[in-house]
Amino acid sequence: MISENFANIMGDIFGTRMSVEHVLRSSGFNLAELPTFGGMVIPYEYWKEVYRILWTGEKGREDLLRLLDIALKQYPGNCQIPLLRIEISETK
């Protein structure tokens, strides 16, 4: 399932509050509109919820792809992000 792949990959890369906030802000998202990352939050669960919110939002796929583009700019050597991007772009 794509949401689980997204949550696993993003949770592995962006697993701290600072990294989460940085990638989301860099992608142009308003942090007040997304869940707060902190306390005992498990990165996988956090990113699964972010996926759900973005996918069902007004721009859906476009927002997810923009987030992955920024993630790839921050971690250009990561080989999982481009594959995830393809998977999301081909989802109907």
N, C-alpha and C. Protein backbone atom coordinates (compact mmCIF):
# COMPACT_ATOMS: atom_id res chain seq x y z
N MET A 1 0.84 -1.18 0.00
CA MET A 1 0.00 0.00 0.00
C MET A 1 0.89 1.24 0.00
N ILE A 2 0.51 2.22 -0.81
CA ILE A 2 1.35 3.40 -0.99
C ILE A 2 1.50 4.19 0.31
N SER A 3 0.42 4.33 1.07
CA SER A 3 0.52 5.12 2.30
C SER A 3 1.53 4.51 3.27
N GLU A 4 1.62 3.19 3.29
CA GLU A 4 2.59 2.53 4.17
C GLU A 4 4.01 2.71 3.64
N ASN A 5 4.19 2.60 2.34
CA ASN A 5 5.51 2.85 1.75
C ASN A 5 5.96 4.28 2.04
N PHE A 6 5.05 5.22 1.82
CA PHE A 6 5.33 6.63 2.08
C PHE A 6 5.73 6.83 3.54
N ALA A 7 4.94 6.28 4.47
CA ALA A 7 5.20 6.43 5.90
C ALA A 7 6.53 5.81 6.30
N ASN A 8 6.84 4.64 5.76
CA ASN A 8 8.11 3.98 6.09
C ASN A 8 9.30 4.78 5.58
N ILE A 9 9.24 5.20 4.34
CA ILE A 9 10.37 5.92 3.74
C ILE A 9 10.56 7.28 4.41
N MET A 10 9.47 8.04 4.52
CA MET A 10 9.59 9.38 5.11
C MET A 10 9.95 9.27 6.60
N GLY A 11 9.43 8.27 7.29
CA GLY A 11 9.76 8.09 8.70
C GLY A 11 11.21 7.73 8.92
N ASP A 12 11.78 6.97 7.99
CA ASP A 12 13.21 6.63 8.08
C ASP A 12 14.09 7.85 7.86
N ILE A 13 13.69 8.70 6.93
CA ILE A 13 14.50 9.87 6.58
C ILE A 13 14.24 11.04 7.52
N PHE A 14 12.97 11.30 7.78
CA PHE A 14 12.57 12.45 8.58
C PHE A 14 11.90 11.94 9.85
N GLY A 15 12.72 11.61 10.84
CA GLY A 15 12.23 11.00 12.06
C GLY A 15 12.37 11.85 13.29
N THR A 16 12.79 13.10 13.11
CA THR A 16 12.90 14.02 14.25
C THR A 16 12.02 15.23 13.99
N ARG A 17 11.63 15.90 15.04
CA ARG A 17 10.77 17.08 14.89
C ARG A 17 11.42 18.12 13.99
N MET A 18 12.70 18.37 14.18
CA MET A 18 13.39 19.38 13.39
C MET A 18 13.39 19.02 11.90
N SER A 19 13.68 17.77 11.58
CA SER A 19 13.72 17.37 10.17
C SER A 19 12.33 17.38 9.54
N VAL A 20 11.33 16.97 10.32
CA VAL A 20 9.94 16.98 9.83
C VAL A 20 9.51 18.41 9.51
N GLU A 21 9.71 19.30 10.47
CA GLU A 21 9.30 20.68 10.26
C GLU A 21 10.05 21.32 9.10
N HIS A 22 11.33 21.02 8.97
CA HIS A 22 12.13 21.60 7.89
C HIS A 22 11.62 21.16 6.52
N VAL A 23 11.39 19.88 6.33
CA VAL A 23 10.95 19.41 5.01
C VAL A 23 9.54 19.91 4.69
N LEU A 24 8.67 19.97 5.69
CA LEU A 24 7.32 20.47 5.44
C LEU A 24 7.31 21.96 5.13
N ARG A 25 8.06 22.74 5.90
CA ARG A 25 8.15 24.18 5.61
C ARG A 25 8.78 24.43 4.24
N SER A 26 9.84 23.70 3.94
CA SER A 26 10.52 23.85 2.65
C SER A 26 9.60 23.51 1.48
N SER A 27 8.61 22.66 1.76
CA SER A 27 7.65 22.25 0.73
C SER A 27 6.47 23.21 0.64
N GLY A 28 6.45 24.21 1.50
CA GLY A 28 5.42 25.23 1.45
C GLY A 28 4.17 24.93 2.26
N PHE A 29 4.24 23.95 3.16
CA PHE A 29 3.08 23.60 3.95
C PHE A 29 3.01 24.45 5.21
N ASN A 30 1.79 24.76 5.62
CA ASN A 30 1.53 25.46 6.86
C ASN A 30 1.50 24.41 7.97
N LEU A 31 2.44 24.47 8.88
CA LEU A 31 2.53 23.46 9.94
C LEU A 31 1.29 23.44 10.82
N ALA A 32 0.59 24.55 10.91
CA ALA A 32 -0.63 24.60 11.73
C ALA A 32 -1.75 23.74 11.15
N GLU A 33 -1.65 23.41 9.87
CA GLU A 33 -2.67 22.60 9.21
C GLU A 33 -2.37 21.11 9.23
N LEU A 34 -1.23 20.75 9.82
CA LEU A 34 -0.82 19.35 9.87
C LEU A 34 -0.64 18.92 11.33
N PRO A 35 -0.64 17.62 11.59
CA PRO A 35 -0.44 17.16 12.97
C PRO A 35 0.91 17.63 13.52
N THR A 36 0.98 17.79 14.81
CA THR A 36 2.23 18.17 15.47
C THR A 36 3.09 16.93 15.66
N PHE A 37 4.37 17.08 15.34
CA PHE A 37 5.31 15.99 15.56
C PHE A 37 6.03 16.27 16.86
N GLY A 38 5.86 15.41 17.83
CA GLY A 38 6.53 15.63 19.10
C GLY A 38 6.10 14.59 20.11
N GLY A 39 6.70 14.66 21.26
CA GLY A 39 6.37 13.73 22.33
C GLY A 39 6.71 12.30 21.95
N MET A 40 5.73 11.44 22.10
CA MET A 40 5.94 10.02 21.84
C MET A 40 5.47 9.60 20.44
N VAL A 41 5.43 10.54 19.53
CA VAL A 41 4.96 10.25 18.18
C VAL A 41 5.94 9.31 17.48
N ILE A 42 5.40 8.28 16.87
CA ILE A 42 6.20 7.35 16.07
C ILE A 42 6.24 7.90 14.66
N PRO A 43 7.45 8.09 14.09
CA PRO A 43 7.54 8.68 12.75
C PRO A 43 6.64 8.01 11.71
N TYR A 44 6.57 6.69 11.72
CA TYR A 44 5.73 5.98 10.75
C TYR A 44 4.28 6.44 10.86
N GLU A 45 3.75 6.51 12.08
CA GLU A 45 2.36 6.91 12.29
C GLU A 45 2.15 8.36 11.87
N TYR A 46 3.12 9.20 12.19
CA TYR A 46 3.02 10.62 11.81
C TYR A 46 2.92 10.76 10.30
N TRP A 47 3.83 10.12 9.57
CA TRP A 47 3.85 10.27 8.12
C TRP A 47 2.66 9.60 7.45
N LYS A 48 2.13 8.57 8.06
CA LYS A 48 0.92 7.94 7.52
C LYS A 48 -0.25 8.92 7.60
N GLU A 49 -0.34 9.64 8.69
CA GLU A 49 -1.39 10.65 8.84
C GLU A 49 -1.18 11.83 7.88
N VAL A 50 0.05 12.25 7.71
CA VAL A 50 0.35 13.33 6.76
C VAL A 50 -0.06 12.89 5.35
N TYR A 51 0.27 11.66 4.99
CA TYR A 51 -0.13 11.14 3.68
C TYR A 51 -1.65 11.22 3.52
N ARG A 52 -2.37 10.78 4.52
CA ARG A 52 -3.84 10.78 4.44
C ARG A 52 -4.37 12.20 4.26
N ILE A 53 -3.85 13.11 5.03
CA ILE A 53 -4.30 14.51 4.96
C ILE A 53 -4.00 15.10 3.58
N LEU A 54 -2.79 14.89 3.10
CA LEU A 54 -2.42 15.47 1.81
C LEU A 54 -3.17 14.81 0.66
N TRP A 55 -3.26 13.48 0.70
CA TRP A 55 -3.93 12.76 -0.40
C TRP A 55 -5.39 13.17 -0.54
N THR A 56 -6.06 13.38 0.59
CA THR A 56 -7.47 13.74 0.55
C THR A 56 -7.69 15.24 0.45
N GLY A 57 -6.62 16.00 0.43
CA GLY A 57 -6.73 17.46 0.35
C GLY A 57 -7.06 17.94 -1.05
N GLU A 58 -7.14 19.24 -1.18
CA GLU A 58 -7.53 19.88 -2.43
C GLU A 58 -6.61 19.53 -3.59
N LYS A 59 -5.31 19.48 -3.34
CA LYS A 59 -4.35 19.21 -4.42
C LYS A 59 -3.87 17.78 -4.44
N GLY A 60 -4.12 17.03 -3.37
CA GLY A 60 -3.82 15.61 -3.31
C GLY A 60 -2.44 15.22 -3.80
N ARG A 61 -2.42 14.55 -4.92
CA ARG A 61 -1.19 14.01 -5.50
C ARG A 61 -0.13 15.10 -5.70
N GLU A 62 -0.56 16.27 -6.13
CA GLU A 62 0.37 17.38 -6.39
C GLU A 62 1.15 17.75 -5.12
N ASP A 63 0.45 17.82 -3.99
CA ASP A 63 1.11 18.14 -2.71
C ASP A 63 2.11 17.06 -2.31
N LEU A 64 1.71 15.81 -2.47
CA LEU A 64 2.61 14.70 -2.12
C LEU A 64 3.86 14.72 -3.01
N LEU A 65 3.68 14.95 -4.29
CA LEU A 65 4.82 14.97 -5.21
C LEU A 65 5.75 16.13 -4.91
N ARG A 66 5.18 17.28 -4.56
CA ARG A 66 6.01 18.44 -4.19
C ARG A 66 6.83 18.12 -2.94
N LEU A 67 6.21 17.49 -1.97
CA LEU A 67 6.91 17.10 -0.75
C LEU A 67 8.05 16.13 -1.07
N LEU A 68 7.79 15.17 -1.92
CA LEU A 68 8.84 14.21 -2.30
C LEU A 68 9.96 14.88 -3.09
N ASP A 69 9.63 15.86 -3.92
CA ASP A 69 10.66 16.59 -4.66
C ASP A 69 11.61 17.31 -3.71
N ILE A 70 11.05 17.94 -2.69
CA ILE A 70 11.88 18.63 -1.70
C ILE A 70 12.69 17.62 -0.89
N ALA A 71 12.07 16.52 -0.52
CA ALA A 71 12.79 15.48 0.22
C ALA A 71 13.98 14.98 -0.59
N LEU A 72 13.78 14.81 -1.89
CA LEU A 72 14.86 14.34 -2.75
C LEU A 72 15.96 15.39 -2.88
N LYS A 73 15.60 16.66 -2.90
CA LYS A 73 16.62 17.73 -2.94
C LYS A 73 17.45 17.70 -1.67
N GLN A 74 16.82 17.40 -0.54
CA GLN A 74 17.54 17.35 0.73
C GLN A 74 18.38 16.08 0.86
N TYR A 75 17.93 15.01 0.21
CA TYR A 75 18.63 13.72 0.27
C TYR A 75 18.76 13.14 -1.14
N PRO A 76 19.58 13.78 -1.99
CA PRO A 76 19.67 13.37 -3.39
C PRO A 76 20.18 11.94 -3.60
N GLY A 77 20.85 11.38 -2.64
CA GLY A 77 21.37 10.03 -2.78
C GLY A 77 20.36 8.94 -2.42
N ASN A 78 19.20 9.33 -1.95
CA ASN A 78 18.21 8.35 -1.53
C ASN A 78 17.54 7.75 -2.76
N CYS A 79 17.64 6.45 -2.91
CA CYS A 79 17.08 5.77 -4.10
C CYS A 79 15.62 5.40 -3.93
N GLN A 80 15.07 5.49 -2.72
CA GLN A 80 13.68 5.11 -2.50
C GLN A 80 12.71 6.23 -2.88
N ILE A 81 13.11 7.48 -2.70
CA ILE A 81 12.21 8.60 -2.97
C ILE A 81 11.77 8.63 -4.44
N PRO A 82 12.67 8.50 -5.41
CA PRO A 82 12.20 8.52 -6.80
C PRO A 82 11.23 7.39 -7.12
N LEU A 83 11.44 6.22 -6.55
CA LEU A 83 10.52 5.10 -6.77
C LEU A 83 9.16 5.37 -6.17
N LEU A 84 9.15 5.96 -4.98
CA LEU A 84 7.90 6.33 -4.34
C LEU A 84 7.18 7.40 -5.14
N ARG A 85 7.95 8.34 -5.68
CA ARG A 85 7.37 9.40 -6.49
C ARG A 85 6.67 8.82 -7.73
N ILE A 86 7.30 7.87 -8.37
CA ILE A 86 6.70 7.22 -9.53
C ILE A 86 5.42 6.51 -9.13
N GLU A 87 5.50 5.79 -8.03
CA GLU A 87 4.33 5.05 -7.54
C GLU A 87 3.14 5.98 -7.27
N ILE A 88 3.40 7.10 -6.65
CA ILE A 88 2.32 8.05 -6.35
C ILE A 88 1.82 8.71 -7.62
N SER A 89 2.72 9.07 -8.52
CA SER A 89 2.29 9.74 -9.75
C SER A 89 1.45 8.84 -10.64
N GLU A 90 1.61 7.54 -10.52
CA GLU A 90 0.86 6.60 -11.35
C GLU A 90 -0.42 6.10 -10.67
N THR A 91 -0.65 6.49 -9.43
CA THR A 91 -1.85 6.06 -8.71
C THR A 91 -3.06 6.83 -9.20
N LYS A 92 -4.14 6.11 -9.35
CA LYS A 92 -5.38 6.76 -9.82
C LYS A 92 -6.33 7.00 -8.68
